[in-house]
């Protein structure tokens, strides 16, 4: 995995931010064809296209229907019967990026990128629709092009440069900080995105009150991880501001209005993403977030296939609390009783036995893992552990 962003990507990011901060622009709907695209704006769109190419080439950007088809269908619902859509110069497109953080961002060229982390935490389609409506508004009303937004000083440029040149474990983490959904814009732009986002989802038939829980979910994640993450130049109060703005909008314009949440459809789409995100949280030692999501998995999907037991065992093993061996072993075995073909369980068992100096048991578990997963990318790594077991090494 490429842990550093290439220098040309850094240049494109700085270029986008610089153009975002210069000039004064009319609040024009970008759907409409017009002559208002000046040279700065054209350069910004060109830079956005180049940055999109860089992001799209990254291994963490998903291109399969499994990830991207559903959010794009939701996007189409929001655009249905839009009077400006047929004249659009912007081709909206949603792509999912594998990242455990709760974030989404929109580029001026119409590309909307959503972290798998936020998809894993959302509860229904209405909340996804509000997220997309919020991001669409930033594009449509050219919020990244308004005077003095996103880039406020030379010190900010230095901060951007330092962010984009340091290594990150997710490969794309640095790029994903760009144009955060709730923090890279002015208060006025965020309030406008909130207001017009609700207008879009209500017109499409979604429930505004249930959709508004989107921002509470973001706040919960920040509290679980005891830090502010993923939001470009963000501060904790900005999430609170979004909650206050949503409450005000619903009270003044949509009080008592009901709509669809399409929870069943959303849960069908997001299950595999949720499980992947839990495993990523565990790998990054984000235990509180993982534990919260495991409870969500059990609540929404049950435990017929032992997925909850397996992930719970992984959590216990990695945390290494008192009596962790017995508790982890119990959950691994419960998972095997429900789904003995899940090769990941055997790998987890192998690690558990190895960590507790039970080398014979570890070797058998690792061998079972490889027999069930012949194309394992980590087979050489596991083979090393098997060899250590053979030599009784530690």
Protein backbone atom coordinates (compact mmCIF):
# COMPACT_ATOMS: atom_id res chain seq x y z
CA UNK A 1 0.00 0.00 0.00
CA UNK A 2 1.24 3.49 -0.84
CA UNK A 3 1.42 5.36 2.45
CA UNK A 4 2.36 8.74 1.05
CA UNK A 5 0.48 11.00 -1.26
CA UNK A 6 2.45 11.73 -4.39
CA UNK A 7 3.80 15.22 -4.94
CA UNK A 8 1.47 15.95 -7.88
CA UNK A 9 -1.50 15.19 -5.61
CA UNK A 10 -0.17 17.67 -3.06
CA UNK A 11 0.08 20.30 -5.78
CA UNK A 12 -3.51 19.64 -6.89
CA UNK A 13 -4.80 19.93 -3.34
CA UNK A 14 -2.98 23.22 -2.76
CA UNK A 15 -4.21 24.49 -6.15
CA UNK A 16 -7.81 23.64 -5.31
CA UNK A 17 -7.54 25.35 -1.95
CA UNK A 18 -5.88 28.42 -3.41
CA UNK A 19 -8.55 28.86 -6.07
CA UNK A 20 -11.19 28.22 -3.44
CA UNK A 21 -9.96 31.21 -1.51
CA UNK A 22 -9.65 33.83 -4.21
CA UNK A 23 -12.18 35.93 -6.01
CA UNK A 24 -15.83 36.62 -5.36
CA UNK A 25 -18.54 34.51 -6.96
CA UNK A 26 -22.26 34.79 -7.44
CA UNK A 27 -24.38 32.23 -5.64
CA UNK A 28 -25.29 30.48 -8.91
CA UNK A 29 -26.68 26.98 -9.24
CA UNK A 30 -23.96 24.96 -10.98
CA UNK A 31 -26.55 22.84 -12.77
CA UNK A 32 -27.21 25.75 -15.11
CA UNK A 33 -25.17 26.46 -18.17
CA UNK A 34 -23.79 29.94 -17.94
CA UNK A 35 -20.92 32.19 -18.89
CA UNK A 36 -19.92 32.72 -15.29
CA UNK A 37 -17.05 30.22 -15.39
CA UNK A 38 -14.00 32.47 -15.30
CA UNK A 39 -10.42 31.28 -15.72
CA UNK A 40 -9.96 30.65 -12.01
CA UNK A 41 -13.07 28.54 -11.86
CA UNK A 42 -12.10 26.54 -14.95
CA UNK A 43 -8.69 25.90 -13.46
CA UNK A 44 -10.32 24.73 -10.23
CA UNK A 45 -12.55 22.29 -12.08
CA UNK A 46 -9.58 21.01 -14.06
CA UNK A 47 -7.60 20.51 -10.85
CA UNK A 48 -10.60 18.75 -9.31
CA UNK A 49 -10.74 16.33 -12.25
CA UNK A 50 -7.05 15.55 -11.87
CA UNK A 51 -7.44 15.02 -8.12
CA UNK A 52 -10.41 12.71 -8.77
CA UNK A 53 -8.21 10.61 -11.06
CA UNK A 54 -5.62 10.29 -8.31
CA UNK A 55 -8.22 9.32 -5.71
CA UNK A 56 -9.90 6.86 -8.07
CA UNK A 57 -6.62 5.05 -8.71
CA UNK A 58 -6.07 4.38 -5.01
CA UNK A 59 -6.65 0.81 -3.85
CA UNK A 60 -9.06 1.99 -1.14
CA UNK A 61 -11.45 3.61 -3.63
CA UNK A 62 -14.15 1.11 -4.45
CA UNK A 63 -15.40 0.68 -8.02
CA UNK A 64 -17.75 -2.30 -7.75
CA UNK A 65 -21.55 -2.22 -7.80
CA UNK A 66 -21.55 -3.80 -4.36
CA UNK A 67 -20.34 -0.52 -2.90
CA UNK A 68 -21.39 2.23 -5.30
CA UNK A 69 -24.64 1.26 -6.99
CA UNK A 70 -26.93 1.79 -4.01
CA UNK A 71 -25.74 5.29 -3.00
CA UNK A 72 -25.96 6.40 -6.63
CA UNK A 73 -29.55 5.16 -6.79
CA UNK A 74 -30.32 7.26 -3.73
CA UNK A 75 -28.65 10.21 -5.43
CA UNK A 76 -30.89 9.74 -8.47
CA UNK A 77 -33.95 9.87 -6.22
CA UNK A 78 -32.81 13.26 -4.97
CA UNK A 79 -32.31 14.50 -8.53
CA UNK A 80 -35.60 13.13 -9.89
CA UNK A 81 -37.83 15.83 -11.39
CA UNK A 82 -35.20 18.48 -10.65
CA UNK A 83 -35.96 21.31 -13.05
CA UNK A 84 -32.26 22.06 -13.61
CA UNK A 85 -31.03 18.49 -14.03
CA UNK A 86 -31.50 18.23 -17.81
CA UNK A 87 -29.34 21.34 -18.25
CA UNK A 88 -26.69 20.09 -15.88
CA UNK A 89 -23.02 20.67 -16.58
CA UNK A 90 -22.14 18.67 -13.48
CA UNK A 91 -22.23 14.88 -13.57
CA UNK A 92 -22.81 13.74 -10.01
CA UNK A 93 -21.22 10.44 -9.04
CA UNK A 94 -20.86 8.76 -5.66
CA UNK A 95 -17.94 6.50 -4.78
CA UNK A 96 -17.19 4.69 -1.56
CA UNK A 97 -13.74 4.78 -0.01
CA UNK A 98 -12.63 2.18 2.51
CA UNK A 99 -11.85 4.21 5.60
CA UNK A 100 -13.19 3.71 9.14
CA UNK A 101 -13.60 7.40 9.86
CA UNK A 102 -16.97 9.14 9.57
CA UNK A 103 -16.61 11.54 6.71
CA UNK A 104 -17.71 12.46 3.22
CA UNK A 105 -16.55 15.16 0.87
CA UNK A 106 -17.52 16.64 -2.47
CA UNK A 107 -15.28 18.01 -5.19
CA UNK A 108 -16.44 20.88 -7.42
CA UNK A 109 -16.60 18.56 -10.45
CA UNK A 110 -19.55 16.63 -8.97
CA UNK A 111 -17.72 13.67 -7.48
CA UNK A 112 -18.92 12.77 -3.98
CA UNK A 113 -16.77 10.43 -1.91
CA UNK A 114 -18.15 8.67 1.15
CA UNK A 115 -16.12 6.80 3.73
CA UNK A 116 -17.25 3.27 4.44
CA UNK A 117 -16.98 4.26 8.10
CA UNK A 118 -19.95 6.59 7.95
CA UNK A 119 -21.98 4.12 5.89
CA UNK A 120 -21.36 1.51 8.58
CA UNK A 121 -22.73 3.80 11.27
CA UNK A 122 -25.83 5.10 9.46
CA UNK A 123 -29.14 3.43 10.28
CA UNK A 124 -31.22 3.90 7.14
CA UNK A 125 -31.51 5.35 3.64
CA UNK A 126 -33.01 8.65 4.81
CA UNK A 127 -29.81 9.47 6.67
CA UNK A 128 -27.71 8.60 3.62
CA UNK A 129 -29.99 10.82 1.52
CA UNK A 130 -29.42 13.76 3.86
CA UNK A 131 -25.66 13.25 3.69
CA UNK A 132 -25.78 13.23 -0.10
CA UNK A 133 -28.14 16.21 -0.23
CA UNK A 134 -25.78 18.14 2.03
CA UNK A 135 -22.81 17.38 -0.22
CA UNK A 136 -24.75 18.11 -3.41
CA UNK A 137 -25.61 21.56 -2.10
CA UNK A 138 -21.95 22.36 -1.55
CA UNK A 139 -21.36 21.58 -5.23
CA UNK A 140 -24.50 23.16 -6.67
CA UNK A 141 -24.03 26.47 -4.90
CA UNK A 142 -20.26 26.56 -5.38
CA UNK A 143 -19.40 26.79 -1.69
CA UNK A 144 -15.79 25.81 -2.35
CA UNK A 145 -15.48 28.80 -4.68
CA UNK A 146 -16.68 31.51 -2.36
CA UNK A 147 -14.36 34.19 -1.08
CA UNK A 148 -12.19 33.29 1.91
CA UNK A 149 -13.64 29.81 2.42
CA UNK A 150 -11.50 26.71 3.00
CA UNK A 151 -8.22 28.65 2.90
CA UNK A 152 -8.03 31.51 5.37
CA UNK A 153 -4.30 32.19 5.73
CA UNK A 154 -0.80 31.20 4.73
CA UNK A 155 -0.65 29.28 8.01
CA UNK A 156 -3.53 27.16 6.73
CA UNK A 157 -1.52 26.36 3.59
CA UNK A 158 1.33 25.19 5.78
CA UNK A 159 -1.04 23.01 7.77
CA UNK A 160 -2.48 21.52 4.58
CA UNK A 161 1.00 20.78 3.24
CA UNK A 162 2.05 19.08 6.47
CA UNK A 163 -1.10 16.93 6.43
CA UNK A 164 -0.64 15.84 2.84
CA UNK A 165 3.04 14.94 3.14
CA UNK A 166 2.94 12.81 6.27
CA UNK A 167 2.37 9.02 6.15
CA UNK A 168 -0.99 7.55 7.05
CA UNK A 169 -2.14 4.00 7.66
CA UNK A 170 -5.09 4.21 5.30
CA UNK A 171 -3.25 5.40 2.19
CA UNK A 172 -5.99 7.89 1.34
CA UNK A 173 -6.44 9.45 4.77
CA UNK A 174 -4.65 12.64 3.84
CA UNK A 175 -6.65 13.20 0.66
CA UNK A 176 -9.89 12.47 2.45
CA UNK A 177 -9.46 15.42 4.76
CA UNK A 178 -10.17 17.69 1.81
CA UNK A 179 -13.54 19.45 1.66
CA UNK A 180 -15.02 17.83 4.76
CA UNK A 181 -18.77 17.53 4.80
CA UNK A 182 -19.20 19.54 7.97
CA UNK A 183 -16.09 21.59 8.53
CA UNK A 184 -14.40 22.91 5.40
CA UNK A 185 -16.91 25.69 4.77
CA UNK A 186 -18.21 28.82 6.43
CA UNK A 187 -21.13 28.82 8.84
CA UNK A 188 -23.31 30.43 6.16
CA UNK A 189 -22.49 27.73 3.62
CA UNK A 190 -23.06 24.93 6.11
CA UNK A 191 -26.42 26.36 7.12
CA UNK A 192 -27.39 26.64 3.46
CA UNK A 193 -26.30 23.04 2.83
CA UNK A 194 -28.39 21.95 5.81
CA UNK A 195 -31.49 23.85 4.67
CA UNK A 196 -31.34 22.81 1.01
CA UNK A 197 -30.33 19.26 1.92
CA UNK A 198 -33.56 18.89 3.89
CA UNK A 199 -35.49 20.44 1.03
CA UNK A 200 -34.07 17.80 -1.32
CA UNK A 201 -34.84 14.79 0.89
CA UNK A 202 -38.38 15.89 1.79
CA UNK A 203 -39.14 16.42 -1.90
CA UNK A 204 -37.85 12.87 -2.51
CA UNK A 205 -40.18 11.50 0.18
CA UNK A 206 -37.74 10.84 3.04
CA UNK A 207 -38.45 11.35 6.73
CA UNK A 208 -36.67 14.56 7.83
CA UNK A 209 -36.71 13.83 11.57
CA UNK A 210 -35.16 10.39 11.21
CA UNK A 211 -32.66 11.71 8.67
CA UNK A 212 -31.53 14.36 11.15
CA UNK A 213 -30.00 11.66 13.36
CA UNK A 214 -27.09 11.68 10.91
CA UNK A 215 -25.32 14.40 12.88
CA UNK A 216 -26.02 12.73 16.24
CA UNK A 217 -24.32 9.63 14.85
CA UNK A 218 -21.26 11.72 13.96
CA UNK A 219 -21.20 13.19 17.45
CA UNK A 220 -21.45 9.73 19.02
CA UNK A 221 -18.48 8.52 16.99
CA UNK A 222 -16.33 11.45 18.10
CA UNK A 223 -17.22 10.69 21.72
CA UNK A 224 -16.49 6.98 21.31
CA UNK A 225 -13.02 7.63 19.92
CA UNK A 226 -12.21 10.45 22.36
CA UNK A 227 -10.92 12.68 19.63
CA UNK A 228 -11.75 14.86 16.67
CA UNK A 229 -10.91 13.03 13.49
CA UNK A 230 -11.53 13.10 9.76
CA UNK A 231 -13.05 16.56 9.65
CA UNK A 232 -10.84 19.05 7.85
CA UNK A 233 -10.07 21.98 10.20
CA UNK A 234 -12.94 20.70 12.31
CA UNK A 235 -13.81 21.22 15.93
CA UNK A 236 -16.24 19.30 18.09
CA UNK A 237 -18.68 22.25 18.37
CA UNK A 238 -19.22 22.23 14.58
CA UNK A 239 -21.01 18.90 14.85
CA UNK A 240 -23.14 20.37 17.62
CA UNK A 241 -23.87 23.34 15.33
CA UNK A 242 -25.18 20.96 12.67
CA UNK A 243 -27.49 19.35 15.22
CA UNK A 244 -28.81 22.75 16.30
CA UNK A 245 -29.28 23.80 12.69
CA UNK A 246 -31.18 20.59 11.89
CA UNK A 247 -33.47 21.02 14.89
CA UNK A 248 -34.25 24.58 13.89
CA UNK A 249 -34.97 23.64 10.26
CA UNK A 250 -37.31 20.80 11.19
CA UNK A 251 -39.15 22.88 13.78
CA UNK A 252 -39.68 25.78 11.38
CA UNK A 253 -40.36 23.96 8.11
CA UNK A 254 -40.99 20.23 8.50
CA UNK A 255 -42.56 19.69 11.91
CA UNK A 256 -44.92 16.73 11.81
CA UNK A 257 -43.93 15.72 8.28
CA UNK A 258 -43.40 11.98 7.88
CA UNK A 259 -41.64 10.08 5.17
CA UNK A 260 -39.79 6.91 4.24
CA UNK A 261 -36.60 5.66 5.89
CA UNK A 262 -36.15 2.51 3.74
CA UNK A 263 -34.31 0.88 6.62
CA UNK A 264 -34.71 -2.66 5.30
CA UNK A 265 -33.15 -1.77 1.96
CA UNK A 266 -30.31 0.07 3.63
CA UNK A 267 -29.50 -2.77 6.04
CA UNK A 268 -29.40 -5.21 3.13
CA UNK A 269 -26.84 -2.98 1.41
CA UNK A 270 -24.61 -2.15 4.34
CA UNK A 271 -24.08 -5.46 6.19
CA UNK A 272 -20.81 -6.44 4.52
CA UNK A 273 -19.54 -2.86 4.83
CA UNK A 274 -20.38 -2.87 8.54
CA UNK A 275 -18.46 -6.10 9.12
CA UNK A 276 -15.45 -4.87 7.16
CA UNK A 277 -15.47 -1.66 9.15
CA UNK A 278 -15.54 -3.52 12.47
CA UNK A 279 -12.48 -5.52 11.42
CA UNK A 280 -10.71 -2.31 10.40
CA UNK A 281 -11.57 -0.70 13.74
CA UNK A 282 -10.11 -3.75 15.49
CA UNK A 283 -6.91 -3.60 13.41
CA UNK A 284 -6.54 0.07 14.31
CA UNK A 285 -7.23 -0.67 18.00
CA UNK A 286 -10.38 1.49 17.94
CA UNK A 287 -12.00 -0.78 20.49
CA UNK A 288 -14.87 1.44 21.62
CA UNK A 289 -15.99 2.01 18.07
CA UNK A 290 -15.68 -1.71 17.25
CA UNK A 291 -17.65 -2.73 20.33
CA UNK A 292 -20.42 -0.28 19.50
CA UNK A 293 -20.66 -1.61 15.94
CA UNK A 294 -20.66 -5.25 17.07
CA UNK A 295 -23.72 -4.48 19.19
CA UNK A 296 -25.33 -2.85 16.15
CA UNK A 297 -24.55 -5.94 14.05
CA UNK A 298 -26.25 -8.22 16.58
CA UNK A 299 -29.24 -5.91 17.00
CA UNK A 300 -29.95 -5.50 13.29
CA UNK A 301 -28.91 -8.88 11.87
CA UNK A 302 -28.89 -11.38 14.71
CA UNK A 303 -26.15 -13.98 15.11
CA UNK A 304 -27.25 -16.96 13.03
CA UNK A 305 -23.91 -17.28 11.24
CA UNK A 306 -21.74 -16.61 14.28
CA UNK A 307 -20.41 -13.30 12.96
CA UNK A 308 -21.03 -11.59 16.29
CA UNK A 309 -19.22 -14.33 18.23
CA UNK A 310 -16.26 -14.19 15.86
CA UNK A 311 -15.89 -10.40 16.06
CA UNK A 312 -16.44 -10.43 19.82
CA UNK A 313 -13.68 -13.03 20.13
CA UNK A 314 -11.35 -10.84 18.08
CA UNK A 315 -12.13 -7.85 20.28
CA UNK A 316 -11.44 -9.82 23.48
CA UNK A 317 -8.22 -11.32 22.09
CA UNK A 318 -6.81 -7.97 21.02
CA UNK A 319 -7.73 -6.14 24.21
CA UNK A 320 -6.01 -8.85 26.35
CA UNK A 321 -8.07 -8.14 29.44
CA UNK A 322 -8.15 -10.47 32.45
CA UNK A 323 -9.53 -13.91 31.57
CA UNK A 324 -9.37 -12.90 27.92
CA UNK A 325 -8.13 -16.34 26.77
CA UNK A 326 -11.14 -18.21 28.15
CA UNK A 327 -13.64 -15.64 26.91
CA UNK A 328 -12.10 -15.37 23.46
CA UNK A 329 -11.87 -19.16 23.09
CA UNK A 330 -15.51 -19.53 24.11
CA UNK A 331 -16.64 -17.05 21.43
CA UNK A 332 -14.44 -18.57 18.71
CA UNK A 333 -15.93 -21.99 19.43
CA UNK A 334 -19.48 -20.61 19.40
CA UNK A 335 -18.73 -19.01 16.03
CA UNK A 336 -17.41 -22.32 14.67
CA UNK A 337 -20.55 -24.13 15.81
CA UNK A 338 -22.61 -21.78 13.66
CA UNK A 339 -20.27 -21.51 10.66
CA UNK A 340 -17.30 -23.86 10.53
CA UNK A 341 -16.41 -22.71 7.00
CA UNK A 342 -15.43 -19.21 8.10
CA UNK A 343 -11.65 -19.41 7.72
CA UNK A 344 -11.11 -16.15 9.61
CA UNK A 345 -12.16 -17.87 12.82
CA UNK A 346 -9.29 -20.36 12.52
CA UNK A 347 -6.76 -17.58 11.99
CA UNK A 348 -8.03 -15.79 15.09
CA UNK A 349 -7.81 -19.05 17.03
CA UNK A 350 -4.26 -19.54 15.81
CA UNK A 351 -3.23 -16.15 17.10
CA UNK A 352 -5.00 -16.74 20.41
CA UNK A 353 -3.27 -20.07 21.00
CA UNK A 354 0.09 -18.71 19.88
CA UNK A 355 -0.15 -15.70 22.19
CA UNK A 356 -0.85 -18.08 25.08
CA UNK A 357 2.06 -20.39 24.25
CA UNK A 358 -0.16 -23.23 23.02
CA UNK A 359 1.91 -23.89 19.92
CA UNK A 360 0.47 -27.27 18.88
CA UNK A 361 -3.07 -25.92 18.92
CA UNK A 362 -1.94 -22.76 17.15
CA UNK A 363 -0.28 -24.77 14.35
CA UNK A 364 -3.42 -26.80 13.71
CA UNK A 365 -5.61 -23.70 13.65
CA UNK A 366 -3.27 -21.90 11.23
CA UNK A 367 -3.11 -24.96 8.94
CA UNK A 368 -6.90 -25.16 8.91
CA UNK A 369 -7.05 -21.48 7.99
CA UNK A 370 -4.77 -22.00 4.99
CA UNK A 371 -6.61 -25.13 3.86
CA UNK A 372 -9.89 -23.19 3.75
CA UNK A 373 -8.32 -20.11 2.22
CA UNK A 374 -5.79 -21.33 -0.32
CA UNK A 375 -5.48 -17.89 -1.94
CA UNK A 376 -4.77 -16.12 1.34
CA UNK A 377 -2.70 -12.98 0.79
CA UNK A 378 -1.02 -13.50 4.14
CA UNK A 379 -0.12 -17.17 3.61
CA UNK A 380 3.62 -16.49 3.84
CA UNK A 381 3.07 -14.62 7.10
CA UNK A 382 0.99 -17.47 8.50
CA UNK A 383 3.56 -19.98 7.27
CA UNK A 384 6.12 -18.13 9.39
CA UNK A 385 3.96 -18.68 12.47
CA UNK A 386 3.53 -22.35 11.63
CA UNK A 387 7.30 -22.69 11.37
CA UNK A 388 7.68 -20.98 14.73
CA UNK A 389 5.24 -23.47 16.20
CA UNK A 390 7.25 -26.35 14.73
CA UNK A 391 10.43 -25.07 16.35
CA UNK A 392 8.59 -24.10 19.54
CA UNK A 393 9.79 -20.53 18.91
CA UNK A 394 8.21 -17.50 20.45
